[in-house]
Amino acid sequence: ILTECIVCYNYIPGVDAEKVLAVMNEVTRIDSEFIKRIS
């Protein structure tokens, strides 16, 4: 998902950069939350 966000951010014109960064932050938080919960 992060790779897809980076591709959107860099190569797709007209995409709102703030929305892309917000999705990237959200997904990163999801990752850390669930990795902690597994332990």
Full PDB file with SEQRES, HELIX, SHEET, SSBOND, CRYST1, ORIGX, SCALE, CONECT and MASTER records, all heavy atoms in Angstrom:
SEQRES   1 A   39  ILE LEU THR GLU CYS ILE VAL CYS TYR ASN TYR ILE PRO          
SEQRES   2 A   39  GLY VAL ASP ALA GLU LYS VAL LEU ALA VAL MET ASN GLU          
SEQRES   3 A   39  VAL THR ARG ILE ASP SER GLU PHE ILE LYS ARG ILE SER          
HELIX    1 AA1 LEU A    2  TYR A   11  1                                  10    
HELIX    2 AA2 ALA A   17  ILE A   38  1                                  22    
CRYST1    1.000    1.000    1.000  90.00  90.00  90.00 P 1           1          
ORIGX1      1.000000  0.000000  0.000000        0.00000                         
ORIGX2      0.000000  1.000000  0.000000        0.00000                         
ORIGX3      0.000000  0.000000  1.000000        0.00000                         
SCALE1      1.000000  0.000000  0.000000        0.00000                         
SCALE2      0.000000  1.000000  0.000000        0.00000                         
SCALE3      0.000000  0.000000  1.000000        0.00000                         
ATOM      1  N   ILE A   1       0.831  -1.199   0.000  1.00  0.00           N  
ATOM      2  CA  ILE A   1       0.000   0.000   0.000  1.00  0.00           C  
ATOM      3  C   ILE A   1       0.869   1.254   0.000  1.00  0.00           C  
ATOM      4  O   ILE A   1       0.582   2.218  -0.720  1.00  0.00           O  
ATOM      5  CB  ILE A   1      -0.974  -0.009   1.193  1.00  0.00           C  
ATOM      6  CG1 ILE A   1      -1.994  -1.135   1.004  1.00  0.00           C  
ATOM      7  CG2 ILE A   1      -1.678   1.333   1.338  1.00  0.00           C  
ATOM      8  CD1 ILE A   1      -2.897  -1.357   2.168  1.00  0.00           C  
ATOM      9  N   LEU A   2       1.943   1.244   0.773  1.00  0.00           N  
ATOM     10  CA  LEU A   2       2.844   2.395   0.782  1.00  0.00           C  
ATOM     11  C   LEU A   2       3.499   2.596  -0.579  1.00  0.00           C  
ATOM     12  O   LEU A   2       3.664   3.739  -1.031  1.00  0.00           O  
ATOM     13  CB  LEU A   2       3.901   2.233   1.872  1.00  0.00           C  
ATOM     14  CG  LEU A   2       3.398   2.371   3.311  1.00  0.00           C  
ATOM     15  CD1 LEU A   2       4.522   2.055   4.293  1.00  0.00           C  
ATOM     16  CD2 LEU A   2       2.837   3.749   3.569  1.00  0.00           C  
ATOM     17  N   THR A   3       3.858   1.506  -1.241  1.00  0.00           N  
ATOM     18  CA  THR A   3       4.436   1.609  -2.582  1.00  0.00           C  
ATOM     19  C   THR A   3       3.443   2.233  -3.546  1.00  0.00           C  
ATOM     20  O   THR A   3       3.800   3.101  -4.359  1.00  0.00           O  
ATOM     21  CB  THR A   3       4.865   0.227  -3.087  1.00  0.00           C  
ATOM     22  OG1 THR A   3       5.796  -0.337  -2.166  1.00  0.00           O  
ATOM     23  CG2 THR A   3       5.480   0.303  -4.460  1.00  0.00           C  
ATOM     24  N   GLU A   4       2.206   1.820  -3.462  1.00  0.00           N  
ATOM     25  CA  GLU A   4       1.162   2.394  -4.321  1.00  0.00           C  
ATOM     26  C   GLU A   4       0.987   3.880  -4.043  1.00  0.00           C  
ATOM     27  O   GLU A   4       0.811   4.676  -4.975  1.00  0.00           O  
ATOM     28  CB  GLU A   4      -0.153   1.649  -4.091  1.00  0.00           C  
ATOM     29  CG  GLU A   4      -1.276   2.074  -4.981  1.00  0.00           C  
ATOM     30  CD  GLU A   4      -1.101   1.633  -6.419  1.00  0.00           C  
ATOM     31  OE1 GLU A   4      -0.390   0.642  -6.670  1.00  0.00           O  
ATOM     32  OE2 GLU A   4      -1.674   2.298  -7.301  1.00  0.00           O  
ATOM     33  N   CYS A   5       1.057   4.271  -2.775  1.00  0.00           N  
ATOM     34  CA  CYS A   5       0.941   5.691  -2.425  1.00  0.00           C  
ATOM     35  C   CYS A   5       2.112   6.487  -2.989  1.00  0.00           C  
ATOM     36  O   CYS A   5       1.926   7.602  -3.498  1.00  0.00           O  
ATOM     37  CB  CYS A   5       0.886   5.854  -0.909  1.00  0.00           C  
ATOM     38  SG  CYS A   5      -0.669   5.368  -0.163  1.00  0.00           S  
ATOM     39  N   ILE A   6       3.304   5.933  -2.920  1.00  0.00           N  
ATOM     40  CA  ILE A   6       4.481   6.629  -3.438  1.00  0.00           C  
ATOM     41  C   ILE A   6       4.370   6.797  -4.952  1.00  0.00           C  
ATOM     42  O   ILE A   6       4.693   7.856  -5.497  1.00  0.00           O  
ATOM     43  CB  ILE A   6       5.766   5.877  -3.047  1.00  0.00           C  
ATOM     44  CG1 ILE A   6       5.987   5.993  -1.540  1.00  0.00           C  
ATOM     45  CG2 ILE A   6       6.976   6.407  -3.807  1.00  0.00           C  
ATOM     46  CD1 ILE A   6       7.069   5.096  -0.997  1.00  0.00           C  
ATOM     47  N   VAL A   7       3.884   5.775  -5.630  1.00  0.00           N  
ATOM     48  CA  VAL A   7       3.694   5.871  -7.081  1.00  0.00           C  
ATOM     49  C   VAL A   7       2.666   6.948  -7.407  1.00  0.00           C  
ATOM     50  O   VAL A   7       2.872   7.763  -8.314  1.00  0.00           O  
ATOM     51  CB  VAL A   7       3.284   4.505  -7.672  1.00  0.00           C  
ATOM     52  CG1 VAL A   7       2.816   4.643  -9.103  1.00  0.00           C  
ATOM     53  CG2 VAL A   7       4.436   3.523  -7.583  1.00  0.00           C  
ATOM     54  N   CYS A   8       1.563   6.977  -6.669  1.00  0.00           N  
ATOM     55  CA  CYS A   8       0.545   8.017  -6.891  1.00  0.00           C  
ATOM     56  C   CYS A   8       1.128   9.404  -6.657  1.00  0.00           C  
ATOM     57  O   CYS A   8       0.890  10.322  -7.441  1.00  0.00           O  
ATOM     58  CB  CYS A   8      -0.635   7.810  -5.953  1.00  0.00           C  
ATOM     59  SG  CYS A   8      -1.692   6.441  -6.377  1.00  0.00           S  
ATOM     60  N   TYR A   9       1.874   9.544  -5.591  1.00  0.00           N  
ATOM     61  CA  TYR A   9       2.442  10.836  -5.219  1.00  0.00           C  
ATOM     62  C   TYR A   9       3.408  11.352  -6.278  1.00  0.00           C  
ATOM     63  O   TYR A   9       3.407  12.534  -6.603  1.00  0.00           O  
ATOM     64  CB  TYR A   9       3.149  10.694  -3.869  1.00  0.00           C  
ATOM     65  CG  TYR A   9       3.700  11.974  -3.308  1.00  0.00           C  
ATOM     66  CD1 TYR A   9       2.877  12.876  -2.655  1.00  0.00           C  
ATOM     67  CD2 TYR A   9       5.050  12.273  -3.421  1.00  0.00           C  
ATOM     68  CE1 TYR A   9       3.377  14.050  -2.127  1.00  0.00           C  
ATOM     69  CE2 TYR A   9       5.559  13.453  -2.895  1.00  0.00           C  
ATOM     70  CZ  TYR A   9       4.728  14.327  -2.252  1.00  0.00           C  
ATOM     71  OH  TYR A   9       5.224  15.494  -1.735  1.00  0.00           O  
ATOM     72  N   ASN A  10       4.235  10.459  -6.813  1.00  0.00           N  
ATOM     73  CA  ASN A  10       5.288  10.883  -7.736  1.00  0.00           C  
ATOM     74  C   ASN A  10       4.894  10.901  -9.203  1.00  0.00           C  
ATOM     75  O   ASN A  10       5.442  11.695  -9.968  1.00  0.00           O  
ATOM     76  CB  ASN A  10       6.522   9.990  -7.573  1.00  0.00           C  
ATOM     77  CG  ASN A  10       7.226  10.248  -6.267  1.00  0.00           C  
ATOM     78  OD1 ASN A  10       7.308  11.368  -5.802  1.00  0.00           O  
ATOM     79  ND2 ASN A  10       7.731   9.190  -5.661  1.00  0.00           N  
ATOM     80  N   TYR A  11       3.978  10.036  -9.621  1.00  0.00           N  
ATOM     81  CA  TYR A  11       3.768   9.853 -11.057  1.00  0.00           C  
ATOM     82  C   TYR A  11       2.385  10.161 -11.580  1.00  0.00           C  
ATOM     83  O   TYR A  11       2.172  10.170 -12.784  1.00  0.00           O  
ATOM     84  CB  TYR A  11       4.141   8.422 -11.458  1.00  0.00           C  
ATOM     85  CG  TYR A  11       5.587   8.117 -11.181  1.00  0.00           C  
ATOM     86  CD1 TYR A  11       5.941   7.224 -10.197  1.00  0.00           C  
ATOM     87  CD2 TYR A  11       6.595   8.732 -11.898  1.00  0.00           C  
ATOM     88  CE1 TYR A  11       7.270   6.943  -9.925  1.00  0.00           C  
ATOM     89  CE2 TYR A  11       7.924   8.464 -11.647  1.00  0.00           C  
ATOM     90  CZ  TYR A  11       8.258   7.570 -10.664  1.00  0.00           C  
ATOM     91  OH  TYR A  11       9.573   7.303 -10.403  1.00  0.00           O  
ATOM     92  N   ILE A  12       1.425  10.375 -10.725  1.00  0.00           N  
ATOM     93  CA  ILE A  12       0.072  10.657 -11.192  1.00  0.00           C  
ATOM     94  C   ILE A  12      -0.219  12.138 -10.976  1.00  0.00           C  
ATOM     95  O   ILE A  12      -0.293  12.605  -9.834  1.00  0.00           O  
ATOM     96  CB  ILE A  12      -0.973   9.783 -10.466  1.00  0.00           C  
ATOM     97  CG1 ILE A  12      -0.706   8.314 -10.770  1.00  0.00           C  
ATOM     98  CG2 ILE A  12      -2.379  10.182 -10.904  1.00  0.00           C  
ATOM     99  CD1 ILE A  12      -1.619   7.357 -10.065  1.00  0.00           C  
ATOM    100  N   PRO A  13      -0.370  12.863 -12.056  1.00  0.00           N  
ATOM    101  CA  PRO A  13      -0.641  14.300 -11.914  1.00  0.00           C  
ATOM    102  C   PRO A  13      -2.061  14.548 -11.412  1.00  0.00           C  
ATOM    103  O   PRO A  13      -2.989  13.800 -11.713  1.00  0.00           O  
ATOM    104  CB  PRO A  13      -0.462  14.841 -13.336  1.00  0.00           C  
ATOM    105  CG  PRO A  13      -0.608  13.667 -14.226  1.00  0.00           C  
ATOM    106  CD  PRO A  13      -0.243  12.453 -13.447  1.00  0.00           C  
ATOM    107  N   GLY A  14      -2.210  15.569 -10.616  1.00  0.00           N  
ATOM    108  CA  GLY A  14      -3.528  15.957 -10.131  1.00  0.00           C  
ATOM    109  C   GLY A  14      -3.968  15.279  -8.857  1.00  0.00           C  
ATOM    110  O   GLY A  14      -5.068  15.521  -8.380  1.00  0.00           O  
ATOM    111  N   VAL A  15      -3.131  14.452  -8.282  1.00  0.00           N  
ATOM    112  CA  VAL A  15      -3.489  13.792  -7.026  1.00  0.00           C  
ATOM    113  C   VAL A  15      -3.106  14.723  -5.881  1.00  0.00           C  
ATOM    114  O   VAL A  15      -2.026  15.303  -5.868  1.00  0.00           O  
ATOM    115  CB  VAL A  15      -2.746  12.437  -6.891  1.00  0.00           C  
ATOM    116  CG1 VAL A  15      -3.002  11.819  -5.539  1.00  0.00           C  
ATOM    117  CG2 VAL A  15      -3.188  11.489  -7.977  1.00  0.00           C  
ATOM    118  N   ASP A  16      -4.011  14.876  -4.926  1.00  0.00           N  
ATOM    119  CA  ASP A  16      -3.765  15.749  -3.786  1.00  0.00           C  
ATOM    120  C   ASP A  16      -2.679  15.138  -2.891  1.00  0.00           C  
ATOM    121  O   ASP A  16      -2.856  14.065  -2.323  1.00  0.00           O  
ATOM    122  CB  ASP A  16      -5.051  15.945  -3.003  1.00  0.00           C  
ATOM    123  CG  ASP A  16      -4.931  16.989  -1.908  1.00  0.00           C  
ATOM    124  OD1 ASP A  16      -3.916  17.711  -1.874  1.00  0.00           O  
ATOM    125  OD2 ASP A  16      -5.855  17.079  -1.086  1.00  0.00           O  
ATOM    126  N   ALA A  17      -1.561  15.826  -2.777  1.00  0.00           N  
ATOM    127  CA  ALA A  17      -0.411  15.310  -2.031  1.00  0.00           C  
ATOM    128  C   ALA A  17      -0.731  15.133  -0.549  1.00  0.00           C  
ATOM    129  O   ALA A  17      -0.259  14.184   0.085  1.00  0.00           O  
ATOM    130  CB  ALA A  17       0.780  16.239  -2.203  1.00  0.00           C  
ATOM    131  N   GLU A  18      -1.537  16.015   0.006  1.00  0.00           N  
ATOM    132  CA  GLU A  18      -1.882  15.909   1.427  1.00  0.00           C  
ATOM    133  C   GLU A  18      -2.690  14.648   1.711  1.00  0.00           C  
ATOM    134  O   GLU A  18      -2.504  14.007   2.736  1.00  0.00           O  
ATOM    135  CB  GLU A  18      -2.634  17.148   1.878  1.00  0.00           C  
ATOM    136  CG  GLU A  18      -1.765  18.392   1.933  1.00  0.00           C  
ATOM    137  CD  GLU A  18      -2.527  19.595   2.437  1.00  0.00           C  
ATOM    138  OE1 GLU A  18      -3.602  19.423   3.049  1.00  0.00           O  
ATOM    139  OE2 GLU A  18      -2.041  20.710   2.217  1.00  0.00           O  
ATOM    140  N   LYS A  19      -3.585  14.289   0.808  1.00  0.00           N  
ATOM    141  CA  LYS A  19      -4.377  13.068   0.983  1.00  0.00           C  
ATOM    142  C   LYS A  19      -3.496  11.834   0.896  1.00  0.00           C  
ATOM    143  O   LYS A  19      -3.675  10.876   1.648  1.00  0.00           O  
ATOM    144  CB  LYS A  19      -5.488  12.990  -0.059  1.00  0.00           C  
ATOM    145  CG  LYS A  19      -6.599  13.978   0.165  1.00  0.00           C  
ATOM    146  CD  LYS A  19      -7.692  13.815  -0.852  1.00  0.00           C  
ATOM    147  CE  LYS A  19      -8.794  14.825  -0.649  1.00  0.00           C  
ATOM    148  NZ  LYS A  19      -9.872  14.684  -1.630  1.00  0.00           N  
ATOM    149  N   VAL A  20      -2.538  11.858  -0.016  1.00  0.00           N  
ATOM    150  CA  VAL A  20      -1.612  10.729  -0.159  1.00  0.00           C  
ATOM    151  C   VAL A  20      -0.806  10.561   1.120  1.00  0.00           C  
ATOM    152  O   VAL A  20      -0.670   9.451   1.646  1.00  0.00           O  
ATOM    153  CB  VAL A  20      -0.672  10.924  -1.369  1.00  0.00           C  
ATOM    154  CG1 VAL A  20       0.375   9.834  -1.414  1.00  0.00           C  
ATOM    155  CG2 VAL A  20      -1.458  10.954  -2.657  1.00  0.00           C  
ATOM    156  N   LEU A  21      -0.293  11.661   1.636  1.00  0.00           N  
ATOM    157  CA  LEU A  21       0.502  11.598   2.860  1.00  0.00           C  
ATOM    158  C   LEU A  21      -0.347  11.174   4.064  1.00  0.00           C  
ATOM    159  O   LEU A  21       0.134  10.456   4.946  1.00  0.00           O  
ATOM    160  CB  LEU A  21       1.183  12.941   3.117  1.00  0.00           C  
ATOM    161  CG  LEU A  21       2.230  13.343   2.078  1.00  0.00           C  
ATOM    162  CD1 LEU A  21       2.758  14.734   2.366  1.00  0.00           C  
ATOM    163  CD2 LEU A  21       3.358  12.334   2.024  1.00  0.00           C  
ATOM    164  N   ALA A  22      -1.602  11.587   4.087  1.00  0.00           N  
ATOM    165  CA  ALA A  22      -2.498  11.177   5.174  1.00  0.00           C  
ATOM    166  C   ALA A  22      -2.739   9.671   5.143  1.00  0.00           C  
ATOM    167  O   ALA A  22      -2.727   9.007   6.190  1.00  0.00           O  
ATOM    168  CB  ALA A  22      -3.814  11.929   5.077  1.00  0.00           C  
ATOM    169  N   VAL A  23      -2.944   9.117   3.950  1.00  0.00           N  
ATOM    170  CA  VAL A  23      -3.135   7.671   3.822  1.00  0.00           C  
ATOM    171  C   VAL A  23      -1.859   6.933   4.224  1.00  0.00           C  
ATOM    172  O   VAL A  23      -1.910   5.915   4.926  1.00  0.00           O  
ATOM    173  CB  VAL A  23      -3.557   7.289   2.385  1.00  0.00           C  
ATOM    174  CG1 VAL A  23      -3.532   5.794   2.189  1.00  0.00           C  
ATOM    175  CG2 VAL A  23      -4.936   7.836   2.074  1.00  0.00           C  
ATOM    176  N   MET A  24      -0.718   7.457   3.830  1.00  0.00           N  
ATOM    177  CA  MET A  24       0.556   6.827   4.195  1.00  0.00           C  
ATOM    178  C   MET A  24       0.749   6.831   5.710  1.00  0.00           C  
ATOM    179  O   MET A  24       1.171   5.819   6.282  1.00  0.00           O  
ATOM    180  CB  MET A  24       1.721   7.541   3.505  1.00  0.00           C  
ATOM    181  CG  MET A  24       1.765   7.311   2.016  1.00  0.00           C  
ATOM    182  SD  MET A  24       3.042   8.255   1.183  1.00  0.00           S  
ATOM    183  CE  MET A  24       4.496   7.363   1.681  1.00  0.00           C  
ATOM    184  N   ASN A  25       0.422   7.931   6.364  1.00  0.00           N  
ATOM    185  CA  ASN A  25       0.524   8.000   7.831  1.00  0.00           C  
ATOM    186  C   ASN A  25      -0.424   7.025   8.500  1.00  0.00           C  
ATOM    187  O   ASN A  25      -0.065   6.351   9.472  1.00  0.00           O  
ATOM    188  CB  ASN A  25       0.261   9.418   8.321  1.00  0.00           C  
ATOM    189  CG  ASN A  25       1.402  10.351   8.038  1.00  0.00           C  
ATOM    190  OD1 ASN A  25       2.548   9.924   7.938  1.00  0.00           O  
ATOM    191  ND2 ASN A  25       1.098  11.627   7.890  1.00  0.00           N  
ATOM    192  N   GLU A  26      -1.637   6.950   7.997  1.00  0.00           N  
ATOM    193  CA  GLU A  26      -2.633   6.045   8.566  1.00  0.00           C  
ATOM    194  C   GLU A  26      -2.186   4.590   8.448  1.00  0.00           C  
ATOM    195  O   GLU A  26      -2.277   3.817   9.405  1.00  0.00           O  
ATOM    196  CB  GLU A  26      -3.977   6.233   7.867  1.00  0.00           C  
ATOM    197  CG  GLU A  26      -5.052   5.322   8.381  1.00  0.00           C  
ATOM    198  CD  GLU A  26      -6.367   5.492   7.644  1.00  0.00           C  
ATOM    199  OE1 GLU A  26      -6.514   6.454   6.871  1.00  0.00           O  
ATOM    200  OE2 GLU A  26      -7.240   4.632   7.837  1.00  0.00           O  
ATOM    201  N   VAL A  27      -1.689   4.215   7.281  1.00  0.00           N  
ATOM    202  CA  VAL A  27      -1.262   2.834   7.058  1.00  0.00           C  
ATOM    203  C   VAL A  27      -0.049   2.494   7.928  1.00  0.00           C  
ATOM    204  O   VAL A  27       0.049   1.392   8.465  1.00  0.00           O  
ATOM    205  CB  VAL A  27      -0.971   2.595   5.556  1.00  0.00           C  
ATOM    206  CG1 VAL A  27      -0.312   1.262   5.326  1.00  0.00           C  
ATOM    207  CG2 VAL A  27      -2.253   2.696   4.759  1.00  0.00           C  
ATOM    208  N   THR A  28       0.842   3.443   8.103  1.00  0.00           N  
ATOM    209  CA  THR A  28       2.001   3.220   8.965  1.00  0.00           C  
ATOM    210  C   THR A  28       1.571   3.024  10.418  1.00  0.00           C  
ATOM    211  O   THR A  28       2.107   2.168  11.125  1.00  0.00           O  
ATOM    212  CB  THR A  28       2.979   4.400   8.854  1.00  0.00           C  
ATOM    213  OG1 THR A  28       3.324   4.576   7.486  1.00  0.00           O  
ATOM    214  CG2 THR A  28       4.236   4.150   9.646  1.00  0.00           C  
ATOM    215  N   ARG A  29       0.586   3.798  10.866  1.00  0.00           N  
ATOM    216  CA  ARG A  29       0.060   3.615  12.228  1.00  0.00           C  
ATOM    217  C   ARG A  29      -0.611   2.252  12.376  1.00  0.00           C  
ATOM    218  O   ARG A  29      -0.463   1.596  13.408  1.00  0.00           O  
ATOM    219  CB  ARG A  29      -0.932   4.728  12.556  1.00  0.00           C  
ATOM    220  CG  ARG A  29      -0.291   6.013  13.020  1.00  0.00           C  
ATOM    221  CD  ARG A  29      -1.339   6.936  13.612  1.00  0.00           C  
ATOM    222  NE  ARG A  29      -2.311   7.328  12.595  1.00  0.00           N  
ATOM    223  CZ  ARG A  29      -2.275   8.473  11.932  1.00  0.00           C  
ATOM    224  NH1 ARG A  29      -1.325   9.335  12.178  1.00  0.00           N  
ATOM    225  NH2 ARG A  29      -3.179   8.754  11.026  1.00  0.00           N  
ATOM    226  N   ILE A  30      -1.356   1.844  11.361  1.00  0.00           N  
ATOM    227  CA  ILE A  30      -2.004   0.529  11.393  1.00  0.00           C  
ATOM    228  C   ILE A  30      -0.950  -0.564  11.537  1.00  0.00           C  
ATOM    229  O   ILE A  30      -1.092  -1.490  12.334  1.00  0.00           O  
ATOM    230  CB  ILE A  30      -2.856   0.303  10.129  1.00  0.00           C  
ATOM    231  CG1 ILE A  30      -4.083   1.213  10.142  1.00  0.00           C  
ATOM    232  CG2 ILE A  30      -3.285  -1.154  10.006  1.00  0.00           C  
ATOM    233  CD1 ILE A  30      -4.850   1.232   8.835  1.00  0.00           C  
ATOM    234  N   ASP A  31       0.135  -0.446  10.774  1.00  0.00           N  
ATOM    235  CA  ASP A  31       1.207  -1.430  10.826  1.00  0.00           C  
ATOM    236  C   ASP A  31       1.787  -1.535  12.229  1.00  0.00           C  
ATOM    237  O   ASP A  31       1.866  -2.631  12.802  1.00  0.00           O  
ATOM    238  CB  ASP A  31       2.305  -1.062   9.829  1.00  0.00           C  
ATOM    239  CG  ASP A  31       3.461  -2.038   9.835  1.00  0.00           C  
ATOM    240  OD1 ASP A  31       3.204  -3.263   9.751  1.00  0.00           O  
ATOM    241  OD2 ASP A  31       4.620  -1.582   9.913  1.00  0.00           O  
ATOM    242  N   SER A  32       2.173  -0.420  12.805  1.00  0.00           N  
ATOM    243  CA  SER A  32       2.798  -0.475  14.127  1.00  0.00           C  
ATOM    244  C   SER A  32       1.823  -0.952  15.203  1.00  0.00           C  
ATOM    245  O   SER A  32       2.198  -1.712  16.100  1.00  0.00           O  
ATOM    246  CB  SER A  32       3.385   0.878  14.503  1.00  0.00           C  
ATOM    247  OG  SER A  32       2.391   1.857  14.608  1.00  0.00           O  
ATOM    248  N   GLU A  33       0.563  -0.546  15.090  1.00  0.00           N  
ATOM    249  CA  GLU A  33      -0.442  -0.968  16.070  1.00  0.00           C  
ATOM    250  C   GLU A  33      -0.623  -2.486  16.052  1.00  0.00           C  
ATOM    251  O   GLU A  33      -0.626  -3.133  17.106  1.00  0.00           O  
ATOM    252  CB  GLU A  33      -1.775  -0.286  15.770  1.00  0.00           C  
ATOM    253  CG  GLU A  33      -2.925  -0.787  16.616  1.00  0.00           C  
ATOM    254  CD  GLU A  33      -4.280  -0.279  16.133  1.00  0.00           C  
ATOM    255  OE1 GLU A  33      -4.337   0.689  15.360  1.00  0.00           O  
ATOM    256  OE2 GLU A  33      -5.290  -0.890  16.539  1.00  0.00           O  
ATOM    257  N   PHE A  34      -0.761  -3.058  14.868  1.00  0.00           N  
ATOM    258  CA  PHE A  34      -1.044  -4.485  14.789  1.00  0.00           C  
ATOM    259  C   PHE A  34       0.184  -5.333  15.082  1.00  0.00           C  
ATOM    260  O   PHE A  34       0.061  -6.424  15.643  1.00  0.00           O  
ATOM    261  CB  PHE A  34      -1.678  -4.833  13.442  1.00  0.00           C  
ATOM    262  CG  PHE A  34      -3.137  -4.510  13.412  1.00  0.00           C  
ATOM    263  CD1 PHE A  34      -3.582  -3.269  12.982  1.00  0.00           C  
ATOM    264  CD2 PHE A  34      -4.068  -5.422  13.856  1.00  0.00           C  
ATOM    265  CE1 PHE A  34      -4.913  -2.958  12.985  1.00  0.00           C  
ATOM    266  CE2 PHE A  34      -5.418  -5.118  13.862  1.00  0.00           C  
ATOM    267  CZ  PHE A  34      -5.848  -3.876  13.425  1.00  0.00           C  
ATOM    268  N   ILE A  35       1.359  -4.870  14.744  1.00  0.00           N  
ATOM    269  CA  ILE A  35       2.572  -5.603  15.093  1.00  0.00           C  
ATOM    270  C   ILE A  35       2.718  -5.661  16.613  1.00  0.00           C  
ATOM    271  O   ILE A  35       3.058  -6.706  17.176  1.00  0.00           O  
ATOM    272  CB  ILE A  35       3.822  -4.968  14.443  1.00  0.00           C  
ATOM    273  CG1 ILE A  35       3.758  -5.079  12.921  1.00  0.00           C  
ATOM    274  CG2 ILE A  35       5.103  -5.591  14.978  1.00  0.00           C  
ATOM    275  CD1 ILE A  35       3.798  -6.481  12.377  1.00  0.00           C  
ATOM    276  N   LYS A  36       2.415  -4.562  17.290  1.00  0.00           N  
ATOM    277  CA  LYS A  36       2.459  -4.543  18.752  1.00  0.00           C  
ATOM    278  C   LYS A  36       1.417  -5.492  19.344  1.00  0.00           C  
ATOM    279  O   LYS A  36       1.681  -6.197  20.316  1.00  0.00           O  
ATOM    280  CB  LYS A  36       2.225  -3.137  19.285  1.00  0.00           C  
ATOM    281  CG  LYS A  36       3.377  -2.209  19.076  1.00  0.00           C  
ATOM    282  CD  LYS A  36       3.031  -0.822  19.574  1.00  0.00           C  
ATOM    283  CE  LYS A  36       4.083   0.174  19.201  1.00  0.00           C  
ATOM    284  NZ  LYS A  36       3.689   1.555  19.577  1.00  0.00           N  
ATOM    285  N   ARG A  37       0.231  -5.495  18.763  1.00  0.00           N  
ATOM    286  CA  ARG A  37      -0.843  -6.334  19.291  1.00  0.00           C  
ATOM    287  C   ARG A  37      -0.555  -7.820  19.124  1.00  0.00           C  
ATOM    288  O   ARG A  37      -0.990  -8.629  19.945  1.00  0.00           O  
ATOM    289  CB  ARG A  37      -2.169  -5.983  18.609  1.00  0.00           C  
ATOM    290  CG  ARG A  37      -2.721  -4.660  19.104  1.00  0.00           C  
ATOM    291  CD  ARG A  37      -3.963  -4.258  18.392  1.00  0.00           C  
ATOM    292  NE  ARG A  37      -5.029  -5.237  18.497  1.00  0.00           N  
ATOM    293  CZ  ARG A  37      -6.181  -5.147  17.853  1.00  0.00           C  
ATOM    294  NH1 ARG A  37      -6.413  -4.120  17.060  1.00  0.00           N  
ATOM    295  NH2 ARG A  37      -7.089  -6.078  17.981  1.00  0.00           N  
ATOM    296  N   ILE A  38       0.191  -8.190  18.093  1.00  0.00           N  
ATOM    297  CA  ILE A  38       0.521  -9.595  17.888  1.00  0.00           C  
ATOM    298  C   ILE A  38       1.415 -10.093  19.012  1.00  0.00           C  
ATOM    299  O   ILE A  38       1.303 -11.237  19.452  1.00  0.00           O  
ATOM    300  CB  ILE A  38       1.204  -9.798  16.516  1.00  0.00           C  
ATOM    301  CG1 ILE A  38       0.193  -9.604  15.410  1.00  0.00           C  
ATOM    302  CG2 ILE A  38       1.848 -11.173  16.408  1.00  0.00           C  
ATOM    303  CD1 ILE A  38       0.790  -9.555  14.026  1.00  0.00           C  
ATOM    304  N   SER A  39       2.278  -9.240  19.507  1.00  0.00           N  
ATOM    305  CA  SER A  39       3.235  -9.634  20.529  1.00  0.00           C  
ATOM    306  C   SER A  39       2.603  -9.803  21.909  1.00  0.00           C  
ATOM    307  O   SER A  39       3.235 -10.352  22.802  1.00  0.00           O  
ATOM    308  CB  SER A  39       4.362  -8.609  20.606  1.00  0.00           C  
ATOM    309  OG  SER A  39       5.023  -8.528  19.369  1.00  0.00           O  
TER     310      SER A  39                                                      
MASTER        0    0    0    2    0    0    0    6  309    1    0    3          
END                                                                             
